[in-house]
C-alpha atoms as a PDB file:
ATOM      1  CA  MET A   1     102.403  48.984 111.286  1.00  0.00           C
ATOM      2  CA  LYS A   2     106.070  49.845 111.733  1.00  0.00           C
ATOM      3  CA  LEU A   3     107.340  52.465 109.306  1.00  0.00           C
ATOM      4  CA  LEU A   4     110.245  51.359 107.133  1.00  0.00           C
ATOM      5  CA  ASN A   5     112.012  54.733 107.349  1.00  0.00           C
ATOM      6  CA  PRO A   6     110.515  56.737 110.217  1.00  0.00           C
ATOM      7  CA  MET A   7     111.525  60.383 110.395  1.00  0.00           C
ATOM      8  CA  PRO A   8     113.091  61.779 113.543  1.00  0.00           C
ATOM      9  CA  PRO A   9     110.705  63.647 115.850  1.00  0.00           C
ATOM     10  CA  TYR A  10     110.006  67.318 115.203  1.00  0.00           C
ATOM     11  CA  THR A  11     112.502  68.610 117.749  1.00  0.00           C
ATOM     12  CA  LEU A  12     115.781  70.451 117.437  1.00  0.00           C
ATOM     13  CA  PHE A  13     118.337  67.924 116.145  1.00  0.00           C
ATOM     14  CA  GLY A  14     115.588  65.305 115.856  1.00  0.00           C
ATOM     15  CA  VAL A  15     116.242  63.866 119.298  1.00  0.00           C
ATOM     16  CA  ASP A  16     113.545  62.467 121.530  1.00  0.00           C
ATOM     17  CA  ASN A  17     112.692  64.984 124.207  1.00  0.00           C
ATOM     18  CA  PRO A  18     114.064  63.777 127.530  1.00  0.00           C
ATOM     19  CA  GLU A  19     112.144  64.310 130.723  1.00  0.00           C
ATOM     20  CA  TYR A  20     112.132  68.076 131.128  1.00  0.00           C
ATOM     21  CA  SER A  21     113.632  67.774 134.593  1.00  0.00           C
ATOM     22  CA  GLU A  22     116.622  65.932 133.119  1.00  0.00           C
ATOM     23  CA  ALA A  23     117.309  68.306 130.212  1.00  0.00           C
ATOM     24  CA  ARG A  24     120.186  70.752 130.360  1.00  0.00           C
ATOM     25  CA  ILE A  25     119.094  72.840 127.361  1.00  0.00           C
ATOM     26  CA  ALA A  26     115.570  74.162 126.772  1.00  0.00           C
ATOM     27  CA  VAL A  27     114.857  75.238 123.192  1.00  0.00           C
ATOM     28  CA  LEU A  28     112.225  77.901 122.522  1.00  0.00           C
ATOM     29  CA  PRO A  29     111.217  78.519 118.869  1.00  0.00           C
ATOM     30  CA  VAL A  30     109.838  82.037 118.352  1.00  0.00           C
ATOM     31  CA  PRO A  31     108.422  82.632 114.817  1.00  0.00           C
ATOM     32  CA  TYR A  32     108.212  86.415 115.050  1.00  0.00           C
ATOM     33  CA  ASP A  33     109.309  89.180 112.659  1.00  0.00           C
ATOM     34  CA  SER A  34     106.924  92.104 113.073  1.00  0.00           C
ATOM     35  CA  THR A  35     109.546  94.897 113.218  1.00  0.00           C
ATOM     36  CA  THR A  36     111.541  93.707 110.199  1.00  0.00           C
ATOM     37  CA  SER A  37     112.569  96.774 108.216  1.00  0.00           C
ATOM     38  CA  TYR A  38     113.841  95.292 104.921  1.00  0.00           C
ATOM     39  CA  LYS A  39     112.988  91.743 103.839  1.00  0.00           C
ATOM     40  CA  ALA A  40     110.533  89.771 105.970  1.00  0.00           C
ATOM     41  CA  GLY A  41     110.568  86.004 106.428  1.00  0.00           C
ATOM     42  CA  ALA A  42     112.477  85.413 109.664  1.00  0.00           C
ATOM     43  CA  ARG A  43     109.247  84.104 111.184  1.00  0.00           C
ATOM     44  CA  ASP A  44     109.927  80.955 109.138  1.00  0.00           C
ATOM     45  CA  GLY A  45     113.432  80.612 110.581  1.00  0.00           C
ATOM     46  CA  PRO A  46     112.678  78.382 113.595  1.00  0.00           C
ATOM     47  CA  HIS A  47     110.866  75.796 111.497  1.00  0.00           C
ATOM     48  CA  ALA A  48     113.638  75.780 108.871  1.00  0.00           C
ATOM     49  CA  ILE A  49     116.350  75.321 111.514  1.00  0.00           C
ATOM     50  CA  ILE A  50     114.492  72.498 113.254  1.00  0.00           C
ATOM     51  CA  ASP A  51     113.655  70.770 109.983  1.00  0.00           C
ATOM     52  CA  ALA A  52     117.267  70.895 108.783  1.00  0.00           C
ATOM     53  CA  SER A  53     118.612  69.795 112.153  1.00  0.00           C
ATOM     54  CA  ARG A  54     116.568  66.575 111.999  1.00  0.00           C
ATOM     55  CA  ASN A  55     118.756  65.458 109.095  1.00  0.00           C
ATOM     56  CA  MET A  56     122.145  66.028 110.734  1.00  0.00           C
ATOM     57  CA  GLU A  57     124.599  63.457 112.025  1.00  0.00           C
ATOM     58  CA  LEU A  58     124.778  63.942 115.781  1.00  0.00           C
ATOM     59  CA  TYR A  59     128.277  62.592 116.343  1.00  0.00           C
ATOM     60  CA  SER A  60     130.850  65.413 116.251  1.00  0.00           C
ATOM     61  CA  GLU A  61     134.154  64.201 114.866  1.00  0.00           C
ATOM     62  CA  GLU A  62     135.713  67.453 116.096  1.00  0.00           C
ATOM     63  CA  LEU A  63     134.724  66.898 119.721  1.00  0.00           C
ATOM     64  CA  GLY A  64     134.533  63.116 119.604  1.00  0.00           C
ATOM     65  CA  THR A  65     131.062  62.896 121.115  1.00  0.00           C
ATOM     66  CA  ASP A  66     127.327  63.016 120.458  1.00  0.00           C
ATOM     67  CA  ILE A  67     126.638  66.564 121.628  1.00  0.00           C
ATOM     68  CA  SER A  68     122.907  65.910 121.994  1.00  0.00           C
ATOM     69  CA  SER A  69     123.654  63.618 124.944  1.00  0.00           C
ATOM     70  CA  ILE A  70     123.833  66.731 127.158  1.00  0.00           C
ATOM     71  CA  GLY A  71     120.010  66.691 127.183  1.00  0.00           C
ATOM     72  CA  ILE A  72     118.075  68.972 124.827  1.00  0.00           C
ATOM     73  CA  TYR A  73     114.346  69.599 125.231  1.00  0.00           C
ATOM     74  CA  THR A  74     112.379  71.410 122.503  1.00  0.00           C
ATOM     75  CA  LEU A  75     109.296  73.321 123.578  1.00  0.00           C
ATOM     76  CA  ASP A  76     106.364  74.160 121.331  1.00  0.00           C
ATOM     77  CA  GLU A  77     106.628  77.341 119.279  1.00  0.00           C
ATOM     78  CA  LEU A  78     105.711  80.472 121.201  1.00  0.00           C
ATOM     79  CA  MET A  79     102.649  82.140 119.762  1.00  0.00           C
ATOM     80  CA  PRO A  80     103.567  85.542 118.236  1.00  0.00           C
ATOM     81  CA  ASN A  81     102.020  88.607 119.843  1.00  0.00           C
ATOM     82  CA  ILE A  82     101.329  91.097 117.065  1.00  0.00           C
ATOM     83  CA  ASN A  83     100.001  93.857 119.334  1.00  0.00           C
ATOM     84  CA  SER A  84     103.477  95.289 119.935  1.00  0.00           C
ATOM     85  CA  ALA A  85     107.107  94.254 119.989  1.00  0.00           C
ATOM     86  CA  GLU A  86     107.294  95.171 123.675  1.00  0.00           C
ATOM     87  CA  GLU A  87     104.476  92.758 124.523  1.00  0.00           C
ATOM     88  CA  MET A  88     106.201  90.065 122.478  1.00  0.00           C
ATOM     89  CA  VAL A  89     109.430  90.586 124.418  1.00  0.00           C
ATOM     90  CA  ARG A  90     107.482  90.258 127.686  1.00  0.00           C
ATOM     91  CA  SER A  91     105.962  86.976 126.516  1.00  0.00           C
ATOM     92  CA  ILE A  92     109.370  85.572 125.640  1.00  0.00           C
ATOM     93  CA  SER A  93     110.852  86.833 128.893  1.00  0.00           C
ATOM     94  CA  ALA A  94     108.125  85.139 130.930  1.00  0.00           C
ATOM     95  CA  GLU A  95     108.684  81.832 129.134  1.00  0.00           C
ATOM     96  CA  VAL A  96     112.460  81.995 129.554  1.00  0.00           C
ATOM     97  CA  SER A  97     112.102  82.969 133.217  1.00  0.00           C
ATOM     98  CA  ASN A  98     110.338  79.646 133.777  1.00  0.00           C
ATOM     99  CA  MET A  99     113.241  77.849 132.105  1.00  0.00           C
ATOM    100  CA  LEU A 100     115.783  79.631 134.275  1.00  0.00           C
ATOM    101  CA  GLU A 101     113.845  78.823 137.432  1.00  0.00           C
ATOM    102  CA  SER A 102     114.068  75.167 136.391  1.00  0.00           C
ATOM    103  CA  GLY A 103     117.831  75.442 135.977  1.00  0.00           C
ATOM    104  CA  LYS A 104     117.829  75.246 132.173  1.00  0.00           C
ATOM    105  CA  VAL A 105     120.127  76.931 129.682  1.00  0.00           C
ATOM    106  CA  PRO A 106     117.774  78.694 127.245  1.00  0.00           C
ATOM    107  CA  LEU A 107     118.348  78.393 123.502  1.00  0.00           C
ATOM    108  CA  THR A 108     115.988  80.682 121.599  1.00  0.00           C
ATOM    109  CA  LEU A 109     115.388  80.301 117.864  1.00  0.00           C
ATOM    110  CA  GLY A 110     114.178  83.411 116.058  1.00  0.00           C
ATOM    111  CA  GLY A 111     112.577  85.036 114.318  1.00  0.00           C
ATOM    112  CA  GLU A 112     113.917  88.538 114.062  1.00  0.00           C
ATOM    113  CA  HIS A 113     116.599  89.788 116.426  1.00  0.00           C
ATOM    114  CA  THR A 114     114.069  91.478 118.708  1.00  0.00           C
ATOM    115  CA  VAL A 115     113.373  88.067 120.249  1.00  0.00           C
ATOM    116  CA  ALA A 116     116.841  88.150 121.880  1.00  0.00           C
ATOM    117  CA  VAL A 117     115.720  90.862 124.285  1.00  0.00           C
ATOM    118  CA  GLY A 118     113.316  88.392 125.909  1.00  0.00           C
ATOM    119  CA  PRO A 119     115.871  85.917 127.276  1.00  0.00           C
ATOM    120  CA  ILE A 120     118.348  88.691 128.094  1.00  0.00           C
ATOM    121  CA  SER A 121     115.632  90.473 130.074  1.00  0.00           C
ATOM    122  CA  ALA A 122     114.661  87.263 131.885  1.00  0.00           C
ATOM    123  CA  MET A 123     118.269  86.643 132.853  1.00  0.00           C
ATOM    124  CA  GLY A 124     118.762  90.232 133.936  1.00  0.00           C
ATOM    125  CA  LYS A 125     115.942  89.970 136.475  1.00  0.00           C
ATOM    126  CA  THR A 126     118.025  87.741 138.732  1.00  0.00           C
ATOM    127  CA  ARG A 127     121.633  88.574 137.805  1.00  0.00           C
ATOM    128  CA  LYS A 128     123.797  91.353 136.349  1.00  0.00           C
ATOM    129  CA  ASP A 129     127.127  89.539 136.263  1.00  0.00           C
ATOM    130  CA  PHE A 130     127.099  88.592 132.586  1.00  0.00           C
ATOM    131  CA  THR A 131     128.052  90.100 129.245  1.00  0.00           C
ATOM    132  CA  VAL A 132     125.897  89.936 126.139  1.00  0.00           C
ATOM    133  CA  LEU A 133     128.266  88.797 123.387  1.00  0.00           C
ATOM    134  CA  HIS A 134     126.707  89.881 120.123  1.00  0.00           C
ATOM    135  CA  PHE A 135     127.667  88.560 116.666  1.00  0.00           C
ATOM    136  CA  ASP A 136     126.082  90.670 113.936  1.00  0.00           C
ATOM    137  CA  ALA A 137     126.728  92.594 110.735  1.00  0.00           C
ATOM    138  CA  HIS A 138     124.931  95.537 112.366  1.00  0.00           C
ATOM    139  CA  SER A 139     125.569  97.271 115.669  1.00  0.00           C
ATOM    140  CA  ASP A 140     121.844  97.231 116.582  1.00  0.00           C
ATOM    141  CA  SER A 141     122.608 100.157 118.879  1.00  0.00           C
ATOM    142  CA  ARG A 142     119.830 102.609 118.074  1.00  0.00           C
ATOM    143  CA  ASP A 143     117.735 103.724 121.022  1.00  0.00           C
ATOM    144  CA  THR A 144     114.584 103.648 118.896  1.00  0.00           C
ATOM    145  CA  TYR A 145     113.859 102.736 115.292  1.00  0.00           C
ATOM    146  CA  MET A 146     110.655 103.269 113.330  1.00  0.00           C
ATOM    147  CA  GLY A 147     108.989 104.428 116.541  1.00  0.00           C
ATOM    148  CA  SER A 148     109.889 101.400 118.662  1.00  0.00           C
ATOM    149  CA  LYS A 149     112.463 100.831 121.380  1.00  0.00           C
ATOM    150  CA  TYR A 150     112.057  97.111 120.716  1.00  0.00           C
ATOM    151  CA  SER A 151     112.905  97.124 117.034  1.00  0.00           C
ATOM    152  CA  HIS A 152     115.420  94.576 115.786  1.00  0.00           C
ATOM    153  CA  ALA A 153     117.762  97.570 115.304  1.00  0.00           C
ATOM    154  CA  CYS A 154     117.749  98.370 119.050  1.00  0.00           C
ATOM    155  CA  ILE A 155     118.546  95.106 120.778  1.00  0.00           C
ATOM    156  CA  MET A 156     122.016  96.062 122.029  1.00  0.00           C
ATOM    157  CA  SER A 157     120.727  99.306 123.521  1.00  0.00           C
ATOM    158  CA  ARG A 158     118.222  97.264 125.503  1.00  0.00           C
ATOM    159  CA  ALA A 159     120.857  94.660 126.411  1.00  0.00           C
ATOM    160  CA  ARG A 160     123.247  97.305 127.759  1.00  0.00           C
ATOM    161  CA  GLU A 161     120.441  98.754 129.866  1.00  0.00           C
ATOM    162  CA  ILE A 162     119.832  95.310 131.351  1.00  0.00           C
ATOM    163  CA  THR A 163     123.395  94.148 131.999  1.00  0.00           C
ATOM    164  CA  GLY A 164     125.662  97.173 131.587  1.00  0.00           C
ATOM    165  CA  SER A 165     127.985  94.935 129.565  1.00  0.00           C
ATOM    166  CA  GLY A 166     127.716  94.211 125.865  1.00  0.00           C
ATOM    167  CA  TYR A 167     130.268  93.509 123.152  1.00  0.00           C
ATOM    168  CA  SER A 168     129.558  93.272 119.426  1.00  0.00           C
ATOM    169  CA  VAL A 169     131.687  91.308 116.941  1.00  0.00           C
ATOM    170  CA  GLY A 170     131.755  91.334 113.136  1.00  0.00           C
ATOM    171  CA  VAL A 171     129.961  94.656 112.704  1.00  0.00           C
ATOM    172  CA  ARG A 172     130.233  96.339 109.313  1.00  0.00           C
ATOM    173  CA  SER A 173     127.163  98.568 109.369  1.00  0.00           C
ATOM    174  CA  THR A 174     126.191 101.088 112.047  1.00  0.00           C
ATOM    175  CA  ASP A 175     124.414 104.383 112.468  1.00  0.00           C
ATOM    176  CA  GLU A 176     126.481 107.501 113.165  1.00  0.00           C
ATOM    177  CA  ASP A 177     125.377 107.904 116.774  1.00  0.00           C
ATOM    178  CA  GLY A 178     126.058 104.263 117.552  1.00  0.00           C
ATOM    179  CA  ALA A 179     129.509 104.478 116.009  1.00  0.00           C
ATOM    180  CA  LYS A 180     130.364 107.450 118.234  1.00  0.00           C
ATOM    181  CA  ARG A 181     128.860 106.130 121.469  1.00  0.00           C
ATOM    182  CA  TYR A 182     129.742 102.452 121.337  1.00  0.00           C
ATOM    183  CA  SER A 183     132.892 102.107 119.229  1.00  0.00           C
ATOM    184  CA  GLY A 184     134.762 100.857 122.319  1.00  0.00           C
ATOM    185  CA  ASP A 185     132.222  98.022 122.642  1.00  0.00           C
ATOM    186  CA  ILE A 186     132.435  96.909 119.014  1.00  0.00           C
ATOM    187  CA  LEU A 187     134.990  94.771 117.191  1.00  0.00           C
ATOM    188  CA  PHE A 188     134.473  95.948 113.630  1.00  0.00           C
ATOM    189  CA  ARG A 189     134.929  93.532 110.776  1.00  0.00           C
ATOM    190  CA  ARG A 190     137.458  95.842 109.098  1.00  0.00           C
ATOM    191  CA  ASP A 191     139.745  95.481 112.115  1.00  0.00           C
ATOM    192  CA  MET A 192     139.321  91.722 112.263  1.00  0.00           C
ATOM    193  CA  HIS A 193     140.985  91.413 108.858  1.00  0.00           C
ATOM    194  CA  ASN A 194     144.296  92.459 110.405  1.00  0.00           C
ATOM    195  CA  MET A 195     144.028  90.143 113.416  1.00  0.00           C
ATOM    196  CA  GLU A 196     144.924  86.503 113.844  1.00  0.00           C
ATOM    197  CA  ARG A 197     142.202  84.264 115.223  1.00  0.00           C
ATOM    198  CA  ARG A 198     143.826  84.017 118.650  1.00  0.00           C
ATOM    199  CA  GLU A 199     143.998  87.846 118.791  1.00  0.00           C
ATOM    200  CA  ILE A 200     140.278  88.058 118.067  1.00  0.00           C
ATOM    201  CA  VAL A 201     139.520  85.591 120.843  1.00  0.00           C
ATOM    202  CA  GLU A 202     141.758  87.446 123.315  1.00  0.00           C
ATOM    203  CA  ASN A 203     140.122  90.734 122.350  1.00  0.00           C
ATOM    204  CA  ILE A 204     136.678  89.287 123.098  1.00  0.00           C
ATOM    205  CA  LEU A 205     137.853  87.822 126.392  1.00  0.00           C
ATOM    206  CA  GLU A 206     139.222  91.220 127.436  1.00  0.00           C
ATOM    207  CA  HIS A 207     135.807  92.805 126.851  1.00  0.00           C
ATOM    208  CA  THR A 208     133.597  90.164 128.468  1.00  0.00           C
ATOM    209  CA  ARG A 209     132.831  88.933 131.954  1.00  0.00           C
ATOM    210  CA  GLU A 210     133.294  85.321 133.065  1.00  0.00           C
ATOM    211  CA  LYS A 211     129.662  84.540 132.288  1.00  0.00           C
ATOM    212  CA  ILE A 212     128.205  85.333 128.873  1.00  0.00           C
ATOM    213  CA  TYR A 213     124.969  85.257 126.946  1.00  0.00           C
ATOM    214  CA  ILE A 214     125.538  84.805 123.193  1.00  0.00           C
ATOM    215  CA  THR A 215     123.218  86.302 120.598  1.00  0.00           C
ATOM    216  CA  ILE A 216     123.926  85.514 116.942  1.00  0.00           C
ATOM    217  CA  ASP A 217     122.278  87.312 114.054  1.00  0.00           C
ATOM    218  CA  VAL A 218     123.094  85.065 111.104  1.00  0.00           C
ATOM    219  CA  ASP A 219     123.845  88.089 108.903  1.00  0.00           C
ATOM    220  CA  VAL A 220     127.208  88.245 110.698  1.00  0.00           C
ATOM    221  CA  LEU A 221     128.121  85.579 108.138  1.00  0.00           C
ATOM    222  CA  ASP A 222     129.082  86.424 104.577  1.00  0.00           C
ATOM    223  CA  PRO A 223     126.139  86.438 102.142  1.00  0.00           C
ATOM    224  CA  GLY A 224     128.045  83.930 100.035  1.00  0.00           C
ATOM    225  CA  GLU A 225     127.451  81.370 102.796  1.00  0.00           C
ATOM    226  CA  MET A 226     124.349  82.960 104.330  1.00  0.00           C
ATOM    227  CA  PRO A 227     122.100  84.482 101.653  1.00  0.00           C
ATOM    228  CA  SER A 228     118.983  83.626 103.673  1.00  0.00           C
ATOM    229  CA  THR A 229     118.675  86.732 105.814  1.00  0.00           C
ATOM    230  CA  GLY A 230     116.643  89.899 105.604  1.00  0.00           C
ATOM    231  CA  THR A 231     119.464  92.464 105.858  1.00  0.00           C
ATOM    232  CA  PRO A 232     122.597  90.988 104.227  1.00  0.00           C
ATOM    233  CA  GLU A 233     125.915  92.846 104.310  1.00  0.00           C
ATOM    234  CA  PRO A 234     129.021  92.001 102.255  1.00  0.00           C
ATOM    235  CA  ASP A 235     132.358  91.015 103.804  1.00  0.00           C
ATOM    236  CA  GLY A 236     131.038  88.780 106.539  1.00  0.00           C
ATOM    237  CA  LEU A 237     132.611  85.987 108.557  1.00  0.00           C
ATOM    238  CA  SER A 238     132.831  82.460 107.237  1.00  0.00           C
ATOM    239  CA  PHE A 239     131.340  79.523 109.115  1.00  0.00           C
ATOM    240  CA  HIS A 240     134.870  78.367 109.932  1.00  0.00           C
ATOM    241  CA  GLU A 241     135.878  81.780 111.295  1.00  0.00           C
ATOM    242  CA  LEU A 242     132.797  82.047 113.470  1.00  0.00           C
ATOM    243  CA  THR A 243     133.025  78.542 114.906  1.00  0.00           C
ATOM    244  CA  SER A 244     136.743  78.967 115.595  1.00  0.00           C
ATOM    245  CA  ILE A 245     136.058  82.172 117.512  1.00  0.00           C
ATOM    246  CA  LEU A 246     133.204  80.600 119.463  1.00  0.00           C
ATOM    247  CA  LYS A 247     135.368  77.608 120.338  1.00  0.00           C
ATOM    248  CA  GLY A 248     138.153  79.826 121.639  1.00  0.00           C
ATOM    249  CA  VAL A 249     135.821  82.020 123.687  1.00  0.00           C
ATOM    250  CA  LEU A 250     133.765  79.191 125.150  1.00  0.00           C
ATOM    251  CA  ALA A 251     136.896  77.408 126.312  1.00  0.00           C
ATOM    252  CA  ARG A 252     137.274  80.269 128.787  1.00  0.00           C
ATOM    253  CA  ARG A 253     133.731  81.488 129.447  1.00  0.00           C
ATOM    254  CA  GLU A 254     130.558  80.084 131.036  1.00  0.00           C
ATOM    255  CA  LEU A 255     127.552  80.147 128.706  1.00  0.00           C
ATOM    256  CA  LEU A 256     124.280  81.141 130.389  1.00  0.00           C
ATOM    257  CA  GLY A 257     122.087  81.166 127.298  1.00  0.00           C
ATOM    258  CA  LEU A 258     122.073  81.797 123.560  1.00  0.00           C
ATOM    259  CA  ASP A 259     119.924  82.604 120.567  1.00  0.00           C
ATOM    260  CA  PHE A 260     120.092  82.415 116.782  1.00  0.00           C
ATOM    261  CA  THR A 261     118.065  84.933 114.804  1.00  0.00           C
ATOM    262  CA  GLU A 262     117.302  86.442 111.409  1.00  0.00           C
ATOM    263  CA  LEU A 263     117.344  83.302 109.272  1.00  0.00           C
ATOM    264  CA  SER A 264     114.886  84.108 106.491  1.00  0.00           C
ATOM    265  CA  PRO A 265     114.656  80.887 104.474  1.00  0.00           C
ATOM    266  CA  ILE A 266     114.724  80.918 100.676  1.00  0.00           C
ATOM    267  CA  GLY A 267     112.534  78.303  99.057  1.00  0.00           C
ATOM    268  CA  GLY A 268     114.509  75.432  97.554  1.00  0.00           C
ATOM    269  CA  ILE A 269     117.827  76.497  99.147  1.00  0.00           C
ATOM    270  CA  VAL A 270     118.411  74.480 102.294  1.00  0.00           C
ATOM    271  CA  ALA A 271     122.171  74.861 102.836  1.00  0.00           C
ATOM    272  CA  PRO A 272     121.824  78.057 104.947  1.00  0.00           C
ATOM    273  CA  ASN A 273     119.253  76.319 107.153  1.00  0.00           C
ATOM    274  CA  PHE A 274     121.673  73.450 107.724  1.00  0.00           C
ATOM    275  CA  LEU A 275     124.423  75.954 108.464  1.00  0.00           C
ATOM    276  CA  VAL A 276     122.464  77.527 111.325  1.00  0.00           C
ATOM    277  CA  ALA A 277     121.471  74.124 112.702  1.00  0.00           C
ATOM    278  CA  LYS A 278     125.105  73.006 112.652  1.00  0.00           C
ATOM    279  CA  LEU A 279     126.231  76.307 114.166  1.00  0.00           C
ATOM    280  CA  ALA A 280     123.793  75.888 117.047  1.00  0.00           C
ATOM    281  CA  TYR A 281     124.888  72.285 117.587  1.00  0.00           C
ATOM    282  CA  MET A 282     128.599  73.077 117.606  1.00  0.00           C
ATOM    283  CA  THR A 283     128.123  76.072 119.894  1.00  0.00           C
ATOM    284  CA  LEU A 284     126.449  73.816 122.438  1.00  0.00           C
ATOM    285  CA  GLY A 285     129.309  71.371 122.037  1.00  0.00           C
ATOM    286  CA  TYR A 286     131.957  74.027 122.634  1.00  0.00           C
ATOM    287  CA  ALA A 287     130.094  75.229 125.707  1.00  0.00           C
ATOM    288  CA  PHE A 288     129.246  71.905 127.340  1.00  0.00           C
ATOM    289  CA  CYS A 289     131.409  69.141 125.843  1.00  0.00           C
ATOM    290  CA  MET A 290     134.890  70.676 126.079  1.00  0.00           C
ATOM    291  CA  PRO A 291     137.064  71.056 129.161  1.00  0.00           C
ATOM    292  CA  LYS A 292     137.467  74.664 130.262  1.00  0.00           C
ATOM    293  CA  GLU A 293     140.850  76.317 129.943  1.00  0.00           C
ATOM    294  CA  THR A 294     142.453  78.614 132.480  1.00  0.00           C
ATOM    295  CA  LYS A 295     144.547  81.583 131.472  1.00  0.00           C
END
């Protein structure tokens, strides 16, 4: 019997998975949040993002195209490894390495921010010519936290070890040591208030290589728009600010991979889930559906 109103498939953006060989983007959901230090729940983030994304319109009036036509393949969720965060990172890295060998652009859905180290590590095994561009309310620059070098509070320390190039944007909370050691690699939110959007984009371009990996902790957004996160900070970016910055940067940079982390869904409140789904969709559009600009 044919269903009157069939739901889209359970994939990111509700699109039918293409043949894997034909996909440009490979999506890896990672429901993991074992090192969360304040409010847990990010393990439910991947499901919430995928579920919301299945109810989106896929035509982008901004870009004038159906962004999903680039070819997006959603893999099954990666089983969490609760033995240690380091083992979890290795599992993610191994999975993403397979994607890279197949020529895919990895899009990882967390989960806590620790999951970002997996794809960054996988990429760093074969190349060092990229910058990790990090959007976050927190600097995540501790060497260890709560006894682990793979805590969600340490991801930029690990990223800098892998690539030697990392730049953080939107930060408004950092530890003292991180503030002293990495202030030159951080665009603090307080400084962004006095900058025009084009100045912010130029600042990021000055601090990044031609190829970038983007990692977005959703708490970079203001809690008024993004209450669904485990470590909220006031005075965050708006959705419009963030997408405008991403659009400007991706017009001049090659995107190697990306992740979205730290969505901790709140029961009955779906708008933040839709926000992350839309943010992921538009980021892919800016990266792969716009002509590149030259300086």
